[in-house]
C-alpha cells in the first residue's frame, strides 16, 4: 500500500495544519462551549466553582455523586448514573432548554412531581 493509497482512505480526516477547525464542521450551533475567548466572561457561578468556592447546590451534588460512587463501588459513574443521581436529588425537566441540540433531539418538559425513575 503506497502513500497515495493511504491518502485516499483518509479523505474524511481533517489535517490540523490546514487551519480548518473540525468542531466548526458540524453546523449545529450550541451554547455549551465554556472556553473563554475574546469578549467571553465566566459567569459568577462558574468563576466561584473554578476558584474552589462552591455553592450549596454544587456541594450537595458533589456529595451525592460521592455517595453514589461509594454505595456502588464505582470510581467513574456513567452519564446514566449521573442523571439518576440528579433526578434523585429532586431535579426535573420542567422548562424548555436554553440551547438547541439540533433537530435529532426533542426538547420536552415534565411535571415537577414526576417520579425519579
PDB file of N, CA and C in Angstrom:
ATOM      1  N   UNK A   1       0.852  -1.174   0.000  1.00  0.00           N
ATOM      2  CA  UNK A   1       0.000   0.000   0.000  1.00  0.00           C
ATOM      3  C   UNK A   1       0.899   1.239   0.000  1.00  0.00           C
ATOM      4  N   UNK A   2       0.774   2.057  -0.998  1.00  0.00           N
ATOM      5  CA  UNK A   2       1.620   3.233  -1.136  1.00  0.00           C
ATOM      6  C   UNK A   2       1.050   4.429  -0.414  1.00  0.00           C
ATOM      7  N   UNK A   3       1.785   5.526  -0.416  1.00  0.00           N
ATOM      8  CA  UNK A   3       1.355   6.760   0.239  1.00  0.00           C
ATOM      9  C   UNK A   3       0.078   7.273  -0.397  1.00  0.00           C
ATOM     10  N   UNK A   4      -0.028   7.158  -1.730  1.00  0.00           N
ATOM     11  CA  UNK A   4      -1.212   7.629  -2.433  1.00  0.00           C
ATOM     12  C   UNK A   4      -2.458   6.857  -1.989  1.00  0.00           C
ATOM     13  N   UNK A   5      -2.324   5.518  -1.815  1.00  0.00           N
ATOM     14  CA  UNK A   5      -3.451   4.700  -1.370  1.00  0.00           C
ATOM     15  C   UNK A   5      -3.893   5.069   0.045  1.00  0.00           C
ATOM     16  N   UNK A   6      -2.950   5.373   0.914  1.00  0.00           N
ATOM     17  CA  UNK A   6      -3.283   5.754   2.294  1.00  0.00           C
ATOM     18  C   UNK A   6      -4.053   7.069   2.311  1.00  0.00           C
ATOM     19  N   UNK A   7      -3.679   8.015   1.457  1.00  0.00           N
ATOM     20  CA  UNK A   7      -4.363   9.304   1.430  1.00  0.00           C
ATOM     21  C   UNK A   7      -5.800   9.145   0.958  1.00  0.00           C
ATOM     22  N   UNK A   8      -6.055   8.232   0.000  1.00  0.00           N
ATOM     23  CA  UNK A   8      -7.412   8.033  -0.493  1.00  0.00           C
ATOM     24  C   UNK A   8      -8.318   7.481   0.595  1.00  0.00           C
ATOM     25  N   UNK A   9      -7.776   6.661   1.504  1.00  0.00           N
ATOM     26  CA  UNK A   9      -8.581   6.066   2.566  1.00  0.00           C
ATOM     27  C   UNK A   9      -8.861   7.036   3.706  1.00  0.00           C
ATOM     28  N   UNK A  10      -8.208   8.170   3.729  1.00  0.00           N
ATOM     29  CA  UNK A  10      -8.366   9.104   4.845  1.00  0.00           C
ATOM     30  C   UNK A  10      -8.847  10.469   4.375  1.00  0.00           C
ATOM     31  N   UNK A  11      -9.731  10.495   3.374  1.00  0.00           N
ATOM     32  CA  UNK A  11     -10.249  11.769   2.872  1.00  0.00           C
ATOM     33  C   UNK A  11     -11.100  12.496   3.899  1.00  0.00           C
ATOM     34  N   UNK A  12     -11.695  11.758   4.852  1.00  0.00           N
ATOM     35  CA  UNK A  12     -12.563  12.375   5.839  1.00  0.00           C
ATOM     36  C   UNK A  12     -11.799  12.939   7.032  1.00  0.00           C
ATOM     37  N   UNK A  13     -10.506  12.760   7.090  1.00  0.00           N
ATOM     38  CA  UNK A  13      -9.690  13.261   8.189  1.00  0.00           C
ATOM     39  C   UNK A  13      -9.306  14.699   7.900  1.00  0.00           C
ATOM     40  N   UNK A  14      -9.461  15.571   8.900  1.00  0.00           N
ATOM     41  CA  UNK A  14      -9.095  16.971   8.745  1.00  0.00           C
ATOM     42  C   UNK A  14      -7.687  17.169   9.278  1.00  0.00           C
ATOM     43  N   UNK A  15      -6.809  17.676   8.451  1.00  0.00           N
ATOM     44  CA  UNK A  15      -5.430  17.954   8.834  1.00  0.00           C
ATOM     45  C   UNK A  15      -5.401  19.242   9.652  1.00  0.00           C
ATOM     46  N   UNK A  16      -4.922  19.167  10.885  1.00  0.00           N
ATOM     47  CA  UNK A  16      -4.894  20.342  11.762  1.00  0.00           C
ATOM     48  C   UNK A  16      -4.071  21.469  11.183  1.00  0.00           C
ATOM     49  N   UNK A  17      -3.103  21.149  10.347  1.00  0.00           N
ATOM     50  CA  UNK A  17      -2.258  22.187   9.761  1.00  0.00           C
ATOM     51  C   UNK A  17      -2.987  22.999   8.703  1.00  0.00           C
ATOM     52  N   UNK A  18      -4.151  22.521   8.245  1.00  0.00           N
ATOM     53  CA  UNK A  18      -4.883  23.221   7.189  1.00  0.00           C
ATOM     54  C   UNK A  18      -5.577  24.473   7.705  1.00  0.00           C
ATOM     55  N   UNK A  19      -5.716  24.601   9.018  1.00  0.00           N
ATOM     56  CA  UNK A  19      -6.395  25.756   9.592  1.00  0.00           C
ATOM     57  C   UNK A  19      -7.894  25.552   9.742  1.00  0.00           C
ATOM     58  N   UNK A  20      -8.407  24.407   9.293  1.00  0.00           N
ATOM     59  CA  UNK A  20      -9.832  24.095   9.416  1.00  0.00           C
ATOM     60  C   UNK A  20     -10.071  23.477  10.786  1.00  0.00           C
ATOM     61  N   UNK A  21     -11.007  24.025  11.524  1.00  0.00           N
ATOM     62  CA  UNK A  21     -11.346  23.501  12.845  1.00  0.00           C
ATOM     63  C   UNK A  21     -12.502  22.525  12.686  1.00  0.00           C
ATOM     64  N   UNK A  22     -12.270  21.242  12.957  1.00  0.00           N
ATOM     65  CA  UNK A  22     -13.288  20.217  12.755  1.00  0.00           C
ATOM     66  C   UNK A  22     -14.528  20.469  13.594  1.00  0.00           C
ATOM     67  N   UNK A  23     -14.394  21.175  14.716  1.00  0.00           N
ATOM     68  CA  UNK A  23     -15.559  21.463  15.555  1.00  0.00           C
ATOM     69  C   UNK A  23     -16.526  22.398  14.849  1.00  0.00           C
ATOM     70  N   UNK A  24     -16.031  23.176  13.884  1.00  0.00           N
ATOM     71  CA  UNK A  24     -16.892  24.092  13.148  1.00  0.00           C
ATOM     72  C   UNK A  24     -17.582  23.415  11.971  1.00  0.00           C
ATOM     73  N   UNK A  25     -17.244  22.177  11.659  1.00  0.00           N
ATOM     74  CA  UNK A  25     -17.797  21.484  10.504  1.00  0.00           C
ATOM     75  C   UNK A  25     -19.166  20.890  10.775  1.00  0.00           C
ATOM     76  N   UNK A  26     -19.556  20.745  12.018  1.00  0.00           N
ATOM     77  CA  UNK A  26     -20.815  20.085  12.354  1.00  0.00           C
ATOM     78  C   UNK A  26     -22.029  20.885  11.923  1.00  0.00           C
ATOM     79  N   UNK A  27     -21.973  22.193  11.991  1.00  0.00           N
ATOM     80  CA  UNK A  27     -23.073  23.020  11.524  1.00  0.00           C
ATOM     81  C   UNK A  27     -24.151  23.283  12.557  1.00  0.00           C
ATOM     82  N   UNK A  28     -24.131  22.622  13.704  1.00  0.00           N
ATOM     83  CA  UNK A  28     -25.135  22.848  14.735  1.00  0.00           C
ATOM     84  C   UNK A  28     -24.563  23.825  15.748  1.00  0.00           C
ATOM     85  N   UNK A  29     -25.221  24.939  15.926  1.00  0.00           N
ATOM     86  CA  UNK A  29     -24.766  25.956  16.869  1.00  0.00           C
ATOM     87  C   UNK A  29     -25.204  25.561  18.273  1.00  0.00           C
ATOM     88  N   UNK A  30     -24.259  25.463  19.188  1.00  0.00           N
ATOM     89  CA  UNK A  30     -24.576  25.093  20.555  1.00  0.00           C
ATOM     90  C   UNK A  30     -24.036  26.145  21.506  1.00  0.00           C
ATOM     91  N   UNK A  31     -24.734  26.339  22.597  1.00  0.00           N
ATOM     92  CA  UNK A  31     -24.304  27.291  23.617  1.00  0.00           C
ATOM     93  C   UNK A  31     -23.712  26.520  24.788  1.00  0.00           C
ATOM     94  N   UNK A  32     -22.847  25.543  24.485  1.00  0.00           N
ATOM     95  CA  UNK A  32     -22.291  24.699  25.525  1.00  0.00           C
ATOM     96  C   UNK A  32     -20.803  24.913  25.722  1.00  0.00           C
ATOM     97  N   UNK A  33     -20.181  25.742  24.909  1.00  0.00           N
ATOM     98  CA  UNK A  33     -18.738  25.942  24.957  1.00  0.00           C
ATOM     99  C   UNK A  33     -18.385  26.820  26.152  1.00  0.00           C
ATOM    100  N   UNK A  34     -17.664  26.265  27.126  1.00  0.00           N
ATOM    101  CA  UNK A  34     -17.322  27.009  28.339  1.00  0.00           C
ATOM    102  C   UNK A  34     -15.957  27.668  28.238  1.00  0.00           C
ATOM    103  N   UNK A  35     -15.242  27.429  27.122  1.00  0.00           N
ATOM    104  CA  UNK A  35     -13.927  28.045  26.998  1.00  0.00           C
ATOM    105  C   UNK A  35     -14.070  29.544  26.797  1.00  0.00           C
ATOM    106  N   UNK A  36     -13.151  30.269  27.343  1.00  0.00           N
ATOM    107  CA  UNK A  36     -13.194  31.717  27.219  1.00  0.00           C
ATOM    108  C   UNK A  36     -12.495  32.138  25.947  1.00  0.00           C
ATOM    109  N   UNK A  37     -13.029  33.111  25.316  1.00  0.00           N
ATOM    110  CA  UNK A  37     -12.430  33.693  24.126  1.00  0.00           C
ATOM    111  C   UNK A  37     -12.601  35.195  24.196  1.00  0.00           C
ATOM    112  N   UNK A  38     -12.323  35.832  23.117  1.00  0.00           N
ATOM    113  CA  UNK A  38     -12.449  37.284  23.062  1.00  0.00           C
ATOM    114  C   UNK A  38     -13.883  37.675  23.385  1.00  0.00           C
ATOM    115  N   UNK A  39     -14.052  38.542  24.365  1.00  0.00           N
ATOM    116  CA  UNK A  39     -15.369  39.032  24.728  1.00  0.00           C
ATOM    117  C   UNK A  39     -16.208  38.067  25.544  1.00  0.00           C
ATOM    118  N   UNK A  40     -15.637  36.944  25.991  1.00  0.00           N
ATOM    119  CA  UNK A  40     -16.400  35.970  26.776  1.00  0.00           C
ATOM    120  C   UNK A  40     -15.951  36.029  28.225  1.00  0.00           C
ATOM    121  N   UNK A  41     -16.898  36.186  29.121  1.00  0.00           N
ATOM    122  CA  UNK A  41     -16.595  36.217  30.545  1.00  0.00           C
ATOM    123  C   UNK A  41     -17.227  35.019  31.218  1.00  0.00           C
ATOM    124  N   UNK A  42     -16.571  34.536  32.252  1.00  0.00           N
ATOM    125  CA  UNK A  42     -17.143  33.451  33.041  1.00  0.00           C
ATOM    126  C   UNK A  42     -18.274  33.996  33.891  1.00  0.00           C
ATOM    127  N   UNK A  43     -19.307  33.195  34.076  1.00  0.00           N
ATOM    128  CA  UNK A  43     -20.383  33.602  34.969  1.00  0.00           C
ATOM    129  C   UNK A  43     -19.856  33.548  36.399  1.00  0.00           C
ATOM    130  N   UNK A  44     -20.516  34.253  37.292  1.00  0.00           N
ATOM    131  CA  UNK A  44     -20.116  34.218  38.699  1.00  0.00           C
ATOM    132  C   UNK A  44     -20.172  32.789  39.238  1.00  0.00           C
ATOM    133  N   UNK A  45     -21.158  32.027  38.791  1.00  0.00           N
ATOM    134  CA  UNK A  45     -21.336  30.635  39.210  1.00  0.00           C
ATOM    135  C   UNK A  45     -20.117  29.802  38.811  1.00  0.00           C
ATOM    136  N   UNK A  46     -19.695  29.909  37.547  1.00  0.00           N
ATOM    137  CA  UNK A  46     -18.550  29.148  37.042  1.00  0.00           C
ATOM    138  C   UNK A  46     -17.255  29.648  37.680  1.00  0.00           C
ATOM    139  N   UNK A  47     -17.121  30.951  37.804  1.00  0.00           N
ATOM    140  CA  UNK A  47     -15.904  31.535  38.381  1.00  0.00           C
ATOM    141  C   UNK A  47     -15.700  31.039  39.817  1.00  0.00           C
ATOM    142  N   UNK A  48     -16.761  31.056  40.617  1.00  0.00           N
ATOM    143  CA  UNK A  48     -16.656  30.607  42.009  1.00  0.00           C
ATOM    144  C   UNK A  48     -16.276  29.129  42.072  1.00  0.00           C
ATOM    145  N   UNK A  49     -16.885  28.315  41.216  1.00  0.00           N
ATOM    146  CA  UNK A  49     -16.591  26.883  41.214  1.00  0.00           C
ATOM    147  C   UNK A  49     -15.145  26.620  40.814  1.00  0.00           C
ATOM    148  N   UNK A  50     -14.654  27.341  39.808  1.00  0.00           N
ATOM    149  CA  UNK A  50     -13.281  27.145  39.350  1.00  0.00           C
ATOM    150  C   UNK A  50     -12.269  27.608  40.388  1.00  0.00           C
ATOM    151  N   UNK A  51     -12.661  28.544  41.231  1.00  0.00           N
ATOM    152  CA  UNK A  51     -11.760  29.050  42.258  1.00  0.00           C
ATOM    153  C   UNK A  51     -11.915  28.287  43.569  1.00  0.00           C
ATOM    154  N   UNK A  52     -12.706  27.225  43.567  1.00  0.00           N
ATOM    155  CA  UNK A  52     -12.837  26.388  44.751  1.00  0.00           C
ATOM    156  C   UNK A  52     -13.906  26.821  45.730  1.00  0.00           C
ATOM    157  N   UNK A  53     -14.692  27.811  45.396  1.00  0.00           N
ATOM    158  CA  UNK A  53     -15.782  28.262  46.255  1.00  0.00           C
ATOM    159  C   UNK A  53     -17.077  27.668  45.722  1.00  0.00           C
ATOM    160  N   UNK A  54     -17.603  26.686  46.432  1.00  0.00           N
ATOM    161  CA  UNK A  54     -18.808  26.014  45.963  1.00  0.00           C
ATOM    162  C   UNK A  54     -20.057  26.621  46.561  1.00  0.00           C
ATOM    163  N   UNK A  55     -21.090  26.624  45.737  1.00  0.00           N
ATOM    164  CA  UNK A  55     -22.403  26.994  46.250  1.00  0.00           C
ATOM    165  C   UNK A  55     -22.956  25.780  46.995  1.00  0.00           C
ATOM    166  N   UNK A  56     -23.985  25.973  47.821  1.00  0.00           N
ATOM    167  CA  UNK A  56     -24.598  24.821  48.489  1.00  0.00           C
ATOM    168  C   UNK A  56     -25.105  23.775  47.478  1.00  0.00           C
ATOM    169  N   UNK A  57     -25.609  24.236  46.338  1.00  0.00           N
ATOM    170  CA  UNK A  57     -26.094  23.315  45.305  1.00  0.00           C
ATOM    171  C   UNK A  57     -24.957  22.470  44.736  1.00  0.00           C
ATOM    172  N   UNK A  58     -23.833  23.104  44.449  1.00  0.00           N
ATOM    173  CA  UNK A  58     -22.674  22.380  43.922  1.00  0.00           C
ATOM    174  C   UNK A  58     -22.154  21.375  44.950  1.00  0.00           C
ATOM    175  N   UNK A  59     -22.093  21.783  46.210  1.00  0.00           N
ATOM    176  CA  UNK A  59     -21.593  20.903  47.264  1.00  0.00           C
ATOM    177  C   UNK A  59     -22.511  19.693  47.445  1.00  0.00           C
ATOM    178  N   UNK A  60     -23.827  19.928  47.427  1.00  0.00           N
ATOM    179  CA  UNK A  60     -24.774  18.826  47.572  1.00  0.00           C
ATOM    180  C   UNK A  60     -24.616  17.841  46.409  1.00  0.00           C
ATOM    181  N   UNK A  61     -24.459  18.351  45.188  1.00  0.00           N
ATOM    182  CA  UNK A  61     -24.287  17.487  44.024  1.00  0.00           C
ATOM    183  C   UNK A  61     -23.011  16.660  44.160  1.00  0.00           C
ATOM    184  N   UNK A  62     -21.916  17.298  44.554  1.00  0.00           N
ATOM    185  CA  UNK A  62     -20.642  16.600  44.732  1.00  0.00           C
ATOM    186  C   UNK A  62     -20.782  15.492  45.776  1.00  0.00           C
ATOM    187  N   UNK A  63     -21.418  15.793  46.898  1.00  0.00           N
ATOM    188  CA  UNK A  63     -21.595  14.794  47.949  1.00  0.00           C
ATOM    189  C   UNK A  63     -22.492  13.651  47.487  1.00  0.00           C
ATOM    190  N   UNK A  64     -23.529  13.954  46.699  1.00  0.00           N
ATOM    191  CA  UNK A  64     -24.422  12.912  46.184  1.00  0.00           C
ATOM    192  C   UNK A  64     -23.677  11.988  45.219  1.00  0.00           C
ATOM    193  N   UNK A  65     -22.842  12.561  44.347  1.00  0.00           N
ATOM    194  CA  UNK A  65     -22.056  11.737  43.420  1.00  0.00           C
ATOM    195  C   UNK A  65     -21.086  10.860  44.204  1.00  0.00           C
ATOM    196  N   UNK A  66     -20.428  11.434  45.211  1.00  0.00           N
ATOM    197  CA  UNK A  66     -19.502  10.635  46.035  1.00  0.00           C
ATOM    198  C   UNK A  66     -20.227   9.517  46.775  1.00  0.00           C
ATOM    199  N   UNK A  67     -21.411   9.795  47.300  1.00  0.00           N
ATOM    200  CA  UNK A  67     -22.198   8.766  47.990  1.00  0.00           C
ATOM    201  C   UNK A  67     -22.587   7.659  47.011  1.00  0.00           C
ATOM    202  N   UNK A  68     -22.983   8.028  45.800  1.00  0.00           N
ATOM    203  CA  UNK A  68     -23.326   7.028  44.786  1.00  0.00           C
ATOM    204  C   UNK A  68     -22.121   6.151  44.458  1.00  0.00           C
ATOM    205  N   UNK A  69     -20.961   6.777  44.285  1.00  0.00           N
ATOM    206  CA  UNK A  69     -19.753   6.019  43.954  1.00  0.00           C
ATOM    207  C   UNK A  69     -19.402   5.031  45.062  1.00  0.00           C
ATOM    208  N   UNK A  70     -19.520   5.458  46.317  1.00  0.00           N
ATOM    209  CA  UNK A  70     -19.216   4.569  47.436  1.00  0.00           C
ATOM    210  C   UNK A  70     -20.232   3.431  47.529  1.00  0.00           C
ATOM    211  N   UNK A  71     -21.503   3.764  47.417  1.00  0.00           N
ATOM    212  CA  UNK A  71     -22.550   2.748  47.550  1.00  0.00           C
ATOM    213  C   UNK A  71     -22.478   1.700  46.445  1.00  0.00           C
ATOM    214  N   UNK A  72     -22.023   2.114  45.267  1.00  0.00           N
ATOM    215  CA  UNK A  72     -21.985   1.203  44.119  1.00  0.00           C
ATOM    216  C   UNK A  72     -20.579   0.754  43.753  1.00  0.00           C
ATOM    217  N   UNK A  73     -19.611   1.105  44.599  1.00  0.00           N
ATOM    218  CA  UNK A  73     -18.207   0.735  44.386  1.00  0.00           C
ATOM    219  C   UNK A  73     -17.741   1.063  42.967  1.00  0.00           C
ATOM    220  N   UNK A  74     -17.972   2.303  42.563  1.00  0.00           N
ATOM    221  CA  UNK A  74     -17.577   2.780  41.238  1.00  0.00           C
ATOM    222  C   UNK A  74     -16.704   4.015  41.373  1.00  0.00           C
ATOM    223  N   UNK A  75     -15.605   4.019  40.670  1.00  0.00           N
ATOM    224  CA  UNK A  75     -14.757   5.214  40.645  1.00  0.00           C
ATOM    225  C   UNK A  75     -15.257   6.222  39.629  1.00  0.00           C
ATOM    226  N   UNK A  76     -15.861   5.705  38.564  1.00  0.00           N
ATOM    227  CA  UNK A  76     -16.294   6.563  37.471  1.00  0.00           C
ATOM    228  C   UNK A  76     -17.726   6.229  37.077  1.00  0.00           C
ATOM    229  N   UNK A  77     -18.696   6.997  37.582  1.00  0.00           N
ATOM    230  CA  UNK A  77     -20.084   6.725  37.222  1.00  0.00           C
ATOM    231  C   UNK A  77     -20.337   7.045  35.747  1.00  0.00           C
ATOM    232  N   UNK A  78     -21.260   6.319  35.137  1.00  0.00           N
ATOM    233  CA  UNK A  78     -21.647   6.594  33.755  1.00  0.00           C
ATOM    234  C   UNK A  78     -22.531   7.839  33.732  1.00  0.00           C
ATOM    235  N   UNK A  79     -22.792   8.357  32.536  1.00  0.00           N
ATOM    236  CA  UNK A  79     -23.689   9.520  32.438  1.00  0.00           C
ATOM    237  C   UNK A  79     -25.095   9.141  32.876  1.00  0.00           C
ATOM    238  N   UNK A  80     -25.494   7.904  32.654  1.00  0.00           N
ATOM    239  CA  UNK A  80     -26.798   7.442  33.127  1.00  0.00           C
ATOM    240  C   UNK A  80     -26.842   7.455  34.651  1.00  0.00           C
ATOM    241  N   UNK A  81     -25.742   7.053  35.286  1.00  0.00           N
ATOM    242  CA  UNK A  81     -25.645   7.109  36.752  1.00  0.00           C
ATOM    243  C   UNK A  81     -25.765   8.555  37.239  1.00  0.00           C
ATOM    244  N   UNK A  82     -25.081   9.472  36.565  1.00  0.00           N
ATOM    245  CA  UNK A  82     -25.121  10.887  36.959  1.00  0.00           C
ATOM    246  C   UNK A  82     -26.549  11.418  36.845  1.00  0.00           C
ATOM    247  N   UNK A  83     -27.234  11.075  35.751  1.00  0.00           N
ATOM    248  CA  UNK A  83     -28.626  11.510  35.587  1.00  0.00           C
ATOM    249  C   UNK A  83     -29.507  10.936  36.696  1.00  0.00           C
ATOM    250  N   UNK A  84     -29.270   9.691  37.073  1.00  0.00           N
ATOM    251  CA  UNK A  84     -30.033   9.073  38.166  1.00  0.00           C
ATOM    252  C   UNK A  84     -29.829   9.847  39.468  1.00  0.00           C
ATOM    253  N   UNK A  85     -28.589  10.219  39.766  1.00  0.00           N
ATOM    254  CA  UNK A  85     -28.299  10.979  40.982  1.00  0.00           C
ATOM    255  C   UNK A  85     -28.999  12.338  40.926  1.00  0.00           C
ATOM    256  N   UNK A  86     -28.928  13.007  39.788  1.00  0.00           N
ATOM    257  CA  UNK A  86     -29.561  14.323  39.630  1.00  0.00           C
ATOM    258  C   UNK A  86     -31.062  14.227  39.885  1.00  0.00           C
ATOM    259  N   UNK A  87     -31.684  13.213  39.309  1.00  0.00           N
ATOM    260  CA  UNK A  87     -33.129  13.065  39.495  1.00  0.00           C
ATOM    261  C   UNK A  87     -33.468  12.689  40.936  1.00  0.00           C
ATOM    262  N   UNK A  88     -32.621  11.895  41.593  1.00  0.00           N
ATOM    263  CA  UNK A  88     -32.879  11.529  42.988  1.00  0.00           C
ATOM    264  C   UNK A  88     -32.658  12.713  43.928  1.00  0.00           C
ATOM    265  N   UNK A  89     -31.891  13.709  43.465  1.00  0.00           N
ATOM    266  CA  UNK A  89     -31.757  14.951  44.235  1.00  0.00           C
ATOM    267  C   UNK A  89     -33.012  15.819  44.117  1.00  0.00           C
ATOM    268  N   UNK A  90     -33.897  15.466  43.176  1.00  0.00           N
ATOM    269  CA  UNK A  90     -35.155  16.194  43.038  1.00  0.00           C
ATOM    270  C   UNK A  90     -35.261  17.045  41.786  1.00  0.00           C
ATOM    271  N   UNK A  91     -34.250  17.034  40.949  1.00  0.00           N
ATOM    272  CA  UNK A  91     -34.297  17.844  39.735  1.00  0.00           C
ATOM    273  C   UNK A  91     -35.189  17.184  38.695  1.00  0.00           C
ATOM    274  N   UNK A  92     -35.993  18.004  38.009  1.00  0.00           N
ATOM    275  CA  UNK A  92     -36.875  17.555  36.943  1.00  0.00           C
ATOM    276  C   UNK A  92     -36.766  18.533  35.783  1.00  0.00           C
ATOM    277  N   UNK A  93     -37.063  18.075  34.585  1.00  0.00           N
ATOM    278  CA  UNK A  93     -37.016  18.931  33.395  1.00  0.00           C
ATOM    279  C   UNK A  93     -38.368  19.604  33.243  1.00  0.00           C
ATOM    280  N   UNK A  94     -38.509  20.765  33.847  1.00  0.00           N
ATOM    281  CA  UNK A  94     -39.788  21.471  33.854  1.00  0.00           C
ATOM    282  C   UNK A  94     -39.811  22.681  32.931  1.00  0.00           C
ATOM    283  N   UNK A  95     -38.686  23.001  32.303  1.00  0.00           N
ATOM    284  CA  UNK A  95     -38.611  24.143  31.390  1.00  0.00           C
ATOM    285  C   UNK A  95     -37.952  23.725  30.088  1.00  0.00           C
ATOM    286  N   UNK A  96     -38.207  24.494  29.046  1.00  0.00           N
ATOM    287  CA  UNK A  96     -37.548  24.264  27.762  1.00  0.00           C
ATOM    288  C   UNK A  96     -36.060  24.546  27.916  1.00  0.00           C
ATOM    289  N   UNK A  97     -35.246  23.892  27.106  1.00  0.00           N
ATOM    290  CA  UNK A  97     -33.800  24.095  27.143  1.00  0.00           C
ATOM    291  C   UNK A  97     -33.436  25.504  26.672  1.00  0.00           C
ATOM    292  N   UNK A  98     -32.329  26.011  27.184  1.00  0.00           N
ATOM    293  CA  UNK A  98     -31.842  27.329  26.780  1.00  0.00           C
ATOM    294  C   UNK A  98     -30.958  27.250  25.545  1.00  0.00           C
ATOM    295  N   UNK A  99     -30.639  26.057  25.090  1.00  0.00           N
ATOM    296  CA  UNK A  99     -29.819  25.898  23.901  1.00  0.00           C
ATOM    297  C   UNK A  99     -30.409  24.781  23.045  1.00  0.00           C
ATOM    298  N   UNK A 100     -30.053  24.795  21.773  1.00  0.00           N
ATOM    299  CA  UNK A 100     -30.549  23.798  20.841  1.00  0.00           C
ATOM    300  C   UNK A 100     -29.520  22.694  20.659  1.00  0.00           C
ATOM    301  N   UNK A 101     -29.964  21.463  20.712  1.00  0.00           N
ATOM    302  CA  UNK A 101     -29.076  20.327  20.481  1.00  0.00           C
ATOM    303  C   UNK A 101     -29.265  19.759  19.082  1.00  0.00           C
ATOM    304  N   UNK A 102     -29.965  20.482  18.234  1.00  0.00           N
ATOM    305  CA  UNK A 102     -30.156  20.061  16.859  1.00  0.00           C
ATOM    306  C   UNK A 102     -31.493  19.389  16.644  1.00  0.00           C
ATOM    307  N   UNK A 103     -31.779  19.064  15.381  1.00  0.00           N
ATOM    308  CA  UNK A 103     -33.098  18.520  15.033  1.00  0.00           C
ATOM    309  C   UNK A 103     -33.326  17.076  15.486  1.00  0.00           C
ATOM    310  N   UNK A 104     -32.280  16.375  15.872  1.00  0.00           N
ATOM    311  CA  UNK A 104     -32.454  14.966  16.261  1.00  0.00           C
ATOM    312  C   UNK A 104     -32.799  14.796  17.736  1.00  0.00           C
ATOM    313  N   UNK A 105     -32.772  15.889  18.509  1.00  0.00           N
ATOM    314  CA  UNK A 105     -33.054  15.810  19.949  1.00  0.00           C
ATOM    315  C   UNK A 105     -34.332  16.583  20.249  1.00  0.00           C
ATOM    316  N   UNK A 106     -35.326  15.877  20.794  1.00  0.00           N
ATOM    317  CA  UNK A 106     -36.584  16.513  21.176  1.00  0.00           C
ATOM    318  C   UNK A 106     -36.411  17.241  22.497  1.00  0.00           C
ATOM    319  N   UNK A 107     -36.957  18.443  22.570  1.00  0.00           N
ATOM    320  CA  UNK A 107     -36.981  19.180  23.826  1.00  0.00           C
ATOM    321  C   UNK A 107     -38.352  18.937  24.451  1.00  0.00           C
ATOM    322  N   UNK A 108     -38.381  18.540  25.697  1.00  0.00           N
ATOM    323  CA  UNK A 108     -39.614  18.176  26.364  1.00  0.00           C
ATOM    324  C   UNK A 108     -39.602  18.701  27.785  1.00  0.00           C
ATOM    325  N   UNK A 109     -40.742  18.670  28.417  1.00  0.00           N
ATOM    326  CA  UNK A 109     -40.847  19.048  29.828  1.00  0.00           C
ATOM    327  C   UNK A 109     -41.698  17.990  30.538  1.00  0.00           C
ATOM    328  N   UNK A 110     -41.621  18.011  31.860  1.00  0.00           N
ATOM    329  CA  UNK A 110     -42.411  17.075  32.656  1.00  0.00           C
ATOM    330  C   UNK A 110     -42.947  17.799  33.885  1.00  0.00           C
ATOM    331  N   UNK A 111     -43.852  17.170  34.559  1.00  0.00           N
ATOM    332  CA  UNK A 111     -44.426  17.754  35.763  1.00  0.00           C
ATOM    333  C   UNK A 111     -43.373  17.773  36.877  1.00  0.00           C
ATOM    334  N   UNK A 112     -43.374  18.788  37.726  1.00  0.00           N
ATOM    335  CA  UNK A 112     -42.387  18.869  38.805  1.00  0.00           C
ATOM    336  C   UNK A 112     -42.427  17.688  39.768  1.00  0.00           C
ATOM    337  N   UNK A 113     -43.561  17.019  39.894  1.00  0.00           N
ATOM    338  CA  UNK A 113     -43.664  15.891  40.828  1.00  0.00           C
ATOM    339  C   UNK A 113     -43.498  14.532  40.137  1.00  0.00           C
ATOM    340  N   UNK A 114     -42.908  14.512  38.939  1.00  0.00           N
ATOM    341  CA  UNK A 114     -42.686  13.246  38.212  1.00  0.00           C
ATOM    342  C   UNK A 114     -41.755  12.344  39.013  1.00  0.00           C
ATOM    343  N   UNK A 115     -41.941  11.039  38.869  1.00  0.00           N
ATOM    344  CA  UNK A 115     -41.088  10.065  39.557  1.00  0.00           C
ATOM    345  C   UNK A 115     -39.642  10.182  39.091  1.00  0.00           C
ATOM    346  N   UNK A 116     -38.722   9.786  39.987  1.00  0.00           N
ATOM    347  CA  UNK A 116     -37.291   9.843  39.642  1.00  0.00           C
ATOM    348  C   UNK A 116     -36.980   8.878  38.518  1.00  0.00           C
ATOM    349  N   UNK A 117     -37.476   7.661  38.584  1.00  0.00           N
ATOM    350  CA  UNK A 117     -37.303   6.657  37.517  1.00  0.00           C
ATOM    351  C   UNK A 117     -38.357   5.610  37.636  1.00  0.00           C
TER     352      UNK A 117
END
